[in-house]
PDB file of N, CA and C in Angstrom:
ATOM      1  N   MET A   1       1.081  -0.480  -0.175  1.00  0.00           N
ATOM      2  CA  MET A   1      -0.011   0.275  -0.006  1.00  0.00           C
ATOM      3  C   MET A   1       1.104   1.036   0.100  1.00  0.00           C
ATOM      4  N   ASN A   2       0.618   1.865  -1.071  1.00  0.00           N
ATOM      5  CA  ASN A   2       2.013   3.266  -0.961  1.00  0.00           C
ATOM      6  C   ASN A   2       0.815   4.273  -0.363  1.00  0.00           C
ATOM      7  N   LEU A   3       1.765   5.300  -0.092  1.00  0.00           N
ATOM      8  CA  LEU A   3       1.477   6.339   0.283  1.00  0.00           C
ATOM      9  C   LEU A   3      -0.221   7.543   0.272  1.00  0.00           C
ATOM     10  N   LYS A   4      -0.559   7.384  -1.100  1.00  0.00           N
ATOM     11  CA  LYS A   4      -1.514   7.919  -1.582  1.00  0.00           C
ATOM     12  C   LYS A   4      -3.084   7.013  -0.945  1.00  0.00           C
ATOM     13  N   ASN A   5      -2.547   5.378  -1.358  1.00  0.00           N
ATOM     14  CA  ASN A   5      -3.920   4.743  -0.493  1.00  0.00           C
ATOM     15  C   ASN A   5      -3.989   4.951   0.490  1.00  0.00           C
ATOM     16  N   SER A   6      -2.666   5.404   1.200  1.00  0.00           N
ATOM     17  CA  SER A   6      -3.240   4.803   2.757  1.00  0.00           C
ATOM     18  C   SER A   6      -3.845   6.643   3.300  1.00  0.00           C
ATOM     19  N   THR A   7      -3.232   7.306   2.791  1.00  0.00           N
ATOM     20  CA  THR A   7      -4.498   8.838   2.825  1.00  0.00           C
ATOM     21  C   THR A   7      -5.510   8.799   2.279  1.00  0.00           C
ATOM     22  N   ALA A   8      -6.292   7.756   1.293  1.00  0.00           N
ATOM     23  CA  ALA A   8      -7.557   7.917   1.421  1.00  0.00           C
ATOM     24  C   ALA A   8      -8.430   7.602   2.260  1.00  0.00           C
ATOM     25  N   ILE A   9      -7.310   6.224   2.562  1.00  0.00           N
ATOM     26  CA  ILE A   9      -8.286   5.487   4.088  1.00  0.00           C
ATOM     27  C   ILE A   9      -8.293   6.566   5.326  1.00  0.00           C
ATOM     28  N   ALA A  10      -7.424   7.075   5.308  1.00  0.00           N
ATOM     29  CA  ALA A  10      -7.269   8.181   6.038  1.00  0.00           C
ATOM     30  C   ALA A  10      -7.863   9.723   6.643  1.00  0.00           C
ATOM     31  N   VAL A  11      -8.307   9.701   5.088  1.00  0.00           N
ATOM     32  CA  VAL A  11      -9.623  10.889   5.315  1.00  0.00           C
ATOM     33  C   VAL A  11     -10.636  10.016   5.204  1.00  0.00           C
ATOM     34  N   LEU A  12     -10.920   8.084   4.776  1.00  0.00           N
ATOM     35  CA  LEU A  12     -12.641   8.264   5.249  1.00  0.00           C
ATOM     36  C   LEU A  12     -12.459   7.474   6.972  1.00  0.00           C
ATOM     37  N   LEU A  13     -11.285   7.665   7.099  1.00  0.00           N
ATOM     38  CA  LEU A  13     -11.330   7.572   8.500  1.00  0.00           C
ATOM     39  C   LEU A  13     -11.869   8.478  10.134  1.00  0.00           C
ATOM     40  N   LEU A  14     -11.284  10.130   9.286  1.00  0.00           N
ATOM     41  CA  LEU A  14     -11.781  11.094  10.062  1.00  0.00           C
ATOM     42  C   LEU A  14     -12.700  10.931   9.123  1.00  0.00           C
ATOM     43  N   GLY A  15     -13.319  11.504   8.249  1.00  0.00           N
ATOM     44  CA  GLY A  15     -14.662  11.470   8.229  1.00  0.00           C
ATOM     45  C   GLY A  15     -15.602  10.721   8.900  1.00  0.00           C
ATOM     46  N   THR A  16     -15.498   9.328   9.453  1.00  0.00           N
ATOM     47  CA  THR A  16     -16.841   8.034   9.601  1.00  0.00           C
ATOM     48  C   THR A  16     -16.246   8.475  10.952  1.00  0.00           C
ATOM     49  N   LEU A  17     -15.329   9.515  11.212  1.00  0.00           N
ATOM     50  CA  LEU A  17     -15.002   9.495  13.186  1.00  0.00           C
ATOM     51  C   LEU A  17     -15.286  10.329  13.909  1.00  0.00           C
ATOM     52  N   SER A  18     -15.384  11.853  12.571  1.00  0.00           N
ATOM     53  CA  SER A  18     -16.495  13.701  12.635  1.00  0.00           C
ATOM     54  C   SER A  18     -17.878  12.433  12.814  1.00  0.00           C
ATOM     55  N   PHE A  19     -18.090  12.271  11.885  1.00  0.00           N
ATOM     56  CA  PHE A  19     -20.044  11.611  11.876  1.00  0.00           C
ATOM     57  C   PHE A  19     -19.807  10.961  13.126  1.00  0.00           C
ATOM     58  N   PHE A  20     -19.137  10.732  13.831  1.00  0.00           N
ATOM     59  CA  PHE A  20     -19.672   9.728  14.319  1.00  0.00           C
ATOM     60  C   PHE A  20     -20.012   9.411  15.549  1.00  0.00           C
ATOM     61  N   ASN A  21     -18.597  11.067  16.176  1.00  0.00           N
ATOM     62  CA  ASN A  21     -18.649  11.276  16.970  1.00  0.00           C
ATOM     63  C   ASN A  21     -18.831  13.152  16.843  1.00  0.00           C
ATOM     64  N   LEU A  22     -20.273  13.475  16.960  1.00  0.00           N
ATOM     65  CA  LEU A  22     -20.584  14.850  17.015  1.00  0.00           C
ATOM     66  C   LEU A  22     -20.138  16.273  17.090  1.00  0.00           C
ATOM     67  N   PHE A  23     -19.274  15.903  18.334  1.00  0.00           N
ATOM     68  CA  PHE A  23     -17.880  17.288  18.042  1.00  0.00           C
ATOM     69  C   PHE A  23     -17.024  17.361  17.427  1.00  0.00           C
ATOM     70  N   GLY A  24     -16.918  16.482  16.471  1.00  0.00           N
ATOM     71  CA  GLY A  24     -15.778  16.236  16.223  1.00  0.00           C
ATOM     72  C   GLY A  24     -15.594  17.059  15.170  1.00  0.00           C
ATOM     73  N   PHE A  25     -15.391  18.508  15.061  1.00  0.00           N
ATOM     74  CA  PHE A  25     -15.536  19.819  14.173  1.00  0.00           C
ATOM     75  C   PHE A  25     -14.216  19.981  13.498  1.00  0.00           C
ATOM     76  N   ASP A  26     -12.638  19.930  14.499  1.00  0.00           N
ATOM     77  CA  ASP A  26     -11.786  19.404  14.138  1.00  0.00           C
ATOM     78  C   ASP A  26     -11.453  18.494  12.888  1.00  0.00           C
ATOM     79  N   LYS A  27     -11.982  17.331  13.271  1.00  0.00           N
ATOM     80  CA  LYS A  27     -11.445  15.804  12.635  1.00  0.00           C
ATOM     81  C   LYS A  27     -11.878  16.034  11.358  1.00  0.00           C
ATOM     82  N   ALA A  28     -13.939  16.902  11.414  1.00  0.00           N
ATOM     83  CA  ALA A  28     -14.065  16.780  10.002  1.00  0.00           C
ATOM     84  C   ALA A  28     -13.226  18.061   9.324  1.00  0.00           C
ATOM     85  N   ILE A  29     -13.068  18.986   9.088  1.00  0.00           N
ATOM     86  CA  ILE A  29     -12.403  20.058   8.758  1.00  0.00           C
ATOM     87  C   ILE A  29     -10.962  19.414   8.113  1.00  0.00           C
ATOM     88  N   ILE A  30      -9.693  19.075   9.439  1.00  0.00           N
ATOM     89  CA  ILE A  30      -9.251  17.930   8.695  1.00  0.00           C
ATOM     90  C   ILE A  30      -9.578  17.514   7.080  1.00  0.00           C
ATOM     91  N   SER A  31     -10.596  16.397   7.543  1.00  0.00           N
ATOM     92  CA  SER A  31     -10.865  15.421   6.558  1.00  0.00           C
ATOM     93  C   SER A  31     -11.201  15.684   5.019  1.00  0.00           C
ATOM     94  N   ILE A  32     -11.571  17.396   5.499  1.00  0.00           N
ATOM     95  CA  ILE A  32     -12.493  17.972   3.671  1.00  0.00           C
ATOM     96  C   ILE A  32     -10.657  18.267   3.137  1.00  0.00           C
ATOM     97  N   LEU A  33      -9.750  18.683   4.408  1.00  0.00           N
ATOM     98  CA  LEU A  33      -8.866  19.564   3.658  1.00  0.00           C
ATOM     99  C   LEU A  33      -7.942  18.031   3.030  1.00  0.00           C
ATOM    100  N   ILE A  34      -7.586  17.224   3.779  1.00  0.00           N
ATOM    101  CA  ILE A  34      -6.706  16.614   3.462  1.00  0.00           C
ATOM    102  C   ILE A  34      -7.634  15.622   1.747  1.00  0.00           C
ATOM    103  N   GLY A  35      -8.599  15.639   2.291  1.00  0.00           N
ATOM    104  CA  GLY A  35      -8.613  15.317   0.485  1.00  0.00           C
ATOM    105  C   GLY A  35      -8.775  16.095  -0.700  1.00  0.00           C
ATOM    106  N   VAL A  36      -9.320  17.093  -0.333  1.00  0.00           N
ATOM    107  CA  VAL A  36      -9.403  18.009  -0.929  1.00  0.00           C
ATOM    108  C   VAL A  36      -7.719  18.385  -1.913  1.00  0.00           C
ATOM    109  N   VAL A  37      -6.660  18.430  -1.351  1.00  0.00           N
ATOM    110  CA  VAL A  37      -5.323  17.863  -2.069  1.00  0.00           C
ATOM    111  C   VAL A  37      -5.032  16.768  -2.700  1.00  0.00           C
ATOM    112  N   TYR A  38      -5.616  15.868  -1.101  1.00  0.00           N
ATOM    113  CA  TYR A  38      -5.408  14.425  -2.626  1.00  0.00           C
ATOM    114  C   TYR A  38      -6.198  14.541  -3.946  1.00  0.00           C
ATOM    115  N   LEU A  39      -7.503  14.978  -4.189  1.00  0.00           N
ATOM    116  CA  LEU A  39      -8.041  14.747  -4.947  1.00  0.00           C
ATOM    117  C   LEU A  39      -7.179  16.081  -5.873  1.00  0.00           C
ATOM    118  N   LYS A  40      -6.618  17.433  -5.596  1.00  0.00           N
ATOM    119  CA  LYS A  40      -5.886  18.054  -6.435  1.00  0.00           C
ATOM    120  C   LYS A  40      -5.033  17.137  -7.415  1.00  0.00           C
ATOM    121  N   GLU A  41      -4.242  16.293  -5.943  1.00  0.00           N
ATOM    122  CA  GLU A  41      -2.449  15.877  -6.687  1.00  0.00           C
ATOM    123  C   GLU A  41      -3.071  14.606  -7.831  1.00  0.00           C
ATOM    124  N   SER A  42      -4.301  14.240  -7.522  1.00  0.00           N
ATOM    125  CA  SER A  42      -4.568  12.520  -8.509  1.00  0.00           C
ATOM    126  C   SER A  42      -5.304  13.414  -9.018  1.00  0.00           C
ATOM    127  N   VAL A  43      -5.025  13.897 -10.055  1.00  0.00           N
ATOM    128  CA  VAL A  43      -6.006  14.991 -11.092  1.00  0.00           C
ATOM    129  C   VAL A  43      -5.495  13.850 -11.469  1.00  0.00           C
ATOM    130  N   GLY A  44      -4.704  13.712 -12.783  1.00  0.00           N
ATOM    131  CA  GLY A  44      -5.177  12.511 -13.929  1.00  0.00           C
ATOM    132  C   GLY A  44      -5.124  10.630 -13.490  1.00  0.00           C
ATOM    133  N   ASP A  45      -4.523  10.173 -12.303  1.00  0.00           N
ATOM    134  CA  ASP A  45      -4.584   9.463 -11.859  1.00  0.00           C
ATOM    135  C   ASP A  45      -6.319   8.511 -12.181  1.00  0.00           C
ATOM    136  N   ASP A  46      -6.007   7.005 -13.009  1.00  0.00           N
ATOM    137  CA  ASP A  46      -6.938   6.314 -12.270  1.00  0.00           C
ATOM    138  C   ASP A  46      -6.471   5.711 -11.121  1.00  0.00           C
ATOM    139  N   ASN A  47      -7.457   6.280 -10.144  1.00  0.00           N
ATOM    140  CA  ASN A  47      -7.210   5.352  -8.660  1.00  0.00           C
ATOM    141  C   ASN A  47      -8.507   5.167  -7.866  1.00  0.00           C
ATOM    142  N   ARG A  48      -8.492   3.755  -7.602  1.00  0.00           N
ATOM    143  CA  ARG A  48     -10.352   3.932  -6.852  1.00  0.00           C
ATOM    144  C   ARG A  48     -10.483   3.724  -5.690  1.00  0.00           C
ATOM    145  N   TYR A  49      -9.258   4.876  -4.949  1.00  0.00           N
ATOM    146  CA  TYR A  49      -8.913   5.358  -3.512  1.00  0.00           C
ATOM    147  C   TYR A  49      -9.681   6.021  -3.829  1.00  0.00           C
ATOM    148  N   LYS A  50     -10.412   7.021  -4.980  1.00  0.00           N
ATOM    149  CA  LYS A  50     -10.796   8.100  -4.944  1.00  0.00           C
ATOM    150  C   LYS A  50     -12.722   8.065  -4.363  1.00  0.00           C
ATOM    151  N   TYR A  51     -13.084   7.035  -4.491  1.00  0.00           N
ATOM    152  CA  TYR A  51     -14.376   6.927  -3.734  1.00  0.00           C
ATOM    153  C   TYR A  51     -14.150   6.986  -2.914  1.00  0.00           C
ATOM    154  N   LEU A  52     -13.211   6.500  -1.686  1.00  0.00           N
ATOM    155  CA  LEU A  52     -13.052   6.455   0.021  1.00  0.00           C
ATOM    156  C   LEU A  52     -12.800   8.463   0.114  1.00  0.00           C
ATOM    157  N   VAL A  53     -12.620   8.457  -0.604  1.00  0.00           N
ATOM    158  CA  VAL A  53     -12.133   9.924  -0.616  1.00  0.00           C
ATOM    159  C   VAL A  53     -13.403  10.535  -0.508  1.00  0.00           C
ATOM    160  N   TYR A  54     -14.533  10.589  -1.886  1.00  0.00           N
ATOM    161  CA  TYR A  54     -15.435  11.346  -1.834  1.00  0.00           C
ATOM    162  C   TYR A  54     -16.451  11.196  -0.214  1.00  0.00           C
ATOM    163  N   SER A  55     -16.355   9.506  -0.372  1.00  0.00           N
ATOM    164  CA  SER A  55     -17.241   9.436   1.119  1.00  0.00           C
ATOM    165  C   SER A  55     -16.407  10.222   2.482  1.00  0.00           C
ATOM    166  N   GLY A  56     -15.225  10.368   2.544  1.00  0.00           N
ATOM    167  CA  GLY A  56     -14.671  11.345   4.106  1.00  0.00           C
ATOM    168  C   GLY A  56     -15.138  12.183   4.268  1.00  0.00           C
ATOM    169  N   ILE A  57     -15.064  13.226   3.004  1.00  0.00           N
ATOM    170  CA  ILE A  57     -15.165  13.990   2.584  1.00  0.00           C
ATOM    171  C   ILE A  57     -16.990  14.777   2.562  1.00  0.00           C
ATOM    172  N   GLY A  58     -17.723  13.861   2.140  1.00  0.00           N
ATOM    173  CA  GLY A  58     -18.877  12.981   2.403  1.00  0.00           C
ATOM    174  C   GLY A  58     -19.310  13.936   3.398  1.00  0.00           C
ATOM    175  N   LEU A  59     -18.787  13.246   4.354  1.00  0.00           N
ATOM    176  CA  LEU A  59     -19.404  12.993   6.011  1.00  0.00           C
ATOM    177  C   LEU A  59     -19.006  14.022   6.632  1.00  0.00           C
ATOM    178  N   GLY A  60     -17.159  14.080   6.309  1.00  0.00           N
ATOM    179  CA  GLY A  60     -17.039  15.604   7.262  1.00  0.00           C
ATOM    180  C   GLY A  60     -18.035  16.316   6.994  1.00  0.00           C
ATOM    181  N   ILE A  61     -18.413  17.201   5.660  1.00  0.00           N
ATOM    182  CA  ILE A  61     -19.328  18.362   5.341  1.00  0.00           C
ATOM    183  C   ILE A  61     -20.772  17.547   6.281  1.00  0.00           C
ATOM    184  N   ILE A  62     -21.369  16.595   5.867  1.00  0.00           N
ATOM    185  CA  ILE A  62     -22.453  15.900   6.658  1.00  0.00           C
ATOM    186  C   ILE A  62     -22.405  16.250   8.550  1.00  0.00           C
ATOM    187  N   SER A  63     -21.129  16.437   8.774  1.00  0.00           N
ATOM    188  CA  SER A  63     -21.334  16.540  10.058  1.00  0.00           C
ATOM    189  C   SER A  63     -21.033  17.858  10.705  1.00  0.00           C
ATOM    190  N   ILE A  64     -20.515  18.843   9.809  1.00  0.00           N
ATOM    191  CA  ILE A  64     -20.351  20.565  10.121  1.00  0.00           C
ATOM    192  C   ILE A  64     -22.111  20.405  10.019  1.00  0.00           C
ATOM    193  N   LEU A  65     -22.371  20.498   8.980  1.00  0.00           N
ATOM    194  CA  LEU A  65     -23.744  20.799   8.859  1.00  0.00           C
ATOM    195  C   LEU A  65     -24.488  20.513   9.516  1.00  0.00           C
ATOM    196  N   ILE A  66     -24.432  19.223   9.945  1.00  0.00           N
ATOM    197  CA  ILE A  66     -25.234  18.830  11.964  1.00  0.00           C
ATOM    198  C   ILE A  66     -24.782  19.428  12.600  1.00  0.00           C
ATOM    199  N   LEU A  67     -23.592  19.706  13.470  1.00  0.00           N
ATOM    200  CA  LEU A  67     -22.696  20.722  14.071  1.00  0.00           C
ATOM    201  C   LEU A  67     -24.078  21.942  14.233  1.00  0.00           C
ATOM    202  N   THR A  68     -23.737  22.648  13.259  1.00  0.00           N
ATOM    203  CA  THR A  68     -24.297  23.697  12.626  1.00  0.00           C
ATOM    204  C   THR A  68     -25.771  23.536  13.274  1.00  0.00           C
ATOM    205  N   VAL A  69     -26.190  23.050  12.616  1.00  0.00           N
ATOM    206  CA  VAL A  69     -27.743  22.746  12.867  1.00  0.00           C
ATOM    207  C   VAL A  69     -28.087  23.177  15.356  1.00  0.00           C
ATOM    208  N   ILE A  70     -27.039  22.020  14.644  1.00  0.00           N
ATOM    209  CA  ILE A  70     -27.102  21.927  16.727  1.00  0.00           C
ATOM    210  C   ILE A  70     -27.135  23.694  16.995  1.00  0.00           C
ATOM    211  N   PHE A  71     -25.838  23.987  17.031  1.00  0.00           N
ATOM    212  CA  PHE A  71     -25.217  25.017  17.484  1.00  0.00           C
ATOM    213  C   PHE A  71     -26.478  26.170  17.200  1.00  0.00           C
ATOM    214  N   PHE A  72     -26.899  26.692  16.047  1.00  0.00           N
ATOM    215  CA  PHE A  72     -28.108  27.709  16.330  1.00  0.00           C
ATOM    216  C   PHE A  72     -29.421  27.052  16.758  1.00  0.00           C
ATOM    217  N   SER A  73     -29.819  25.642  16.708  1.00  0.00           N
ATOM    218  CA  SER A  73     -30.484  25.480  17.643  1.00  0.00           C
ATOM    219  C   SER A  73     -30.922  25.424  18.981  1.00  0.00           C
ATOM    220  N   LYS A  74     -29.865  25.465  19.672  1.00  0.00           N
ATOM    221  CA  LYS A  74     -29.177  25.147  21.048  1.00  0.00           C
ATOM    222  C   LYS A  74     -29.061  27.031  21.929  1.00  0.00           C
ATOM    223  N   SER A  75     -28.485  28.032  20.955  1.00  0.00           N
ATOM    224  CA  SER A  75     -28.680  28.808  21.340  1.00  0.00           C
ATOM    225  C   SER A  75     -28.832  29.558  21.674  1.00  0.00           C
ATOM    226  N   PRO A  76     -28.467  30.223  22.859  1.00  0.00           N
ATOM    227  CA  PRO A  76     -29.646  31.217  23.842  1.00  0.00           C
ATOM    228  C   PRO A  76     -30.530  32.292  22.646  1.00  0.00           C
ATOM    229  N   LYS A  77     -31.682  32.699  23.391  1.00  0.00           N
ATOM    230  CA  LYS A  77     -32.243  33.506  22.663  1.00  0.00           C
ATOM    231  C   LYS A  77     -32.596  35.256  23.788  1.00  0.00           C
ATOM    232  N   PHE A  78     -32.168  36.004  22.594  1.00  0.00           N
ATOM    233  CA  PHE A  78     -32.468  37.140  22.932  1.00  0.00           C
ATOM    234  C   PHE A  78     -33.086  37.785  23.440  1.00  0.00           C
TER     235      PHE A  78
END
């Protein structure tokens, strides 16, 4: 397994951890950033691990959206 494949698996793992641990805002941001860098570096490659990266980025985005909804619904009313 080379470094690119390991990076793809790490992005999926971080995205999954941020999704199931609802206070994983930092993990979601890291997953999205590393995933975008991975996709930019492998533009011309025919790599089957890209779908893992897409899943990790998607889970990170969903986690951030859920945290945003929870934050604004639980904020105090003035």
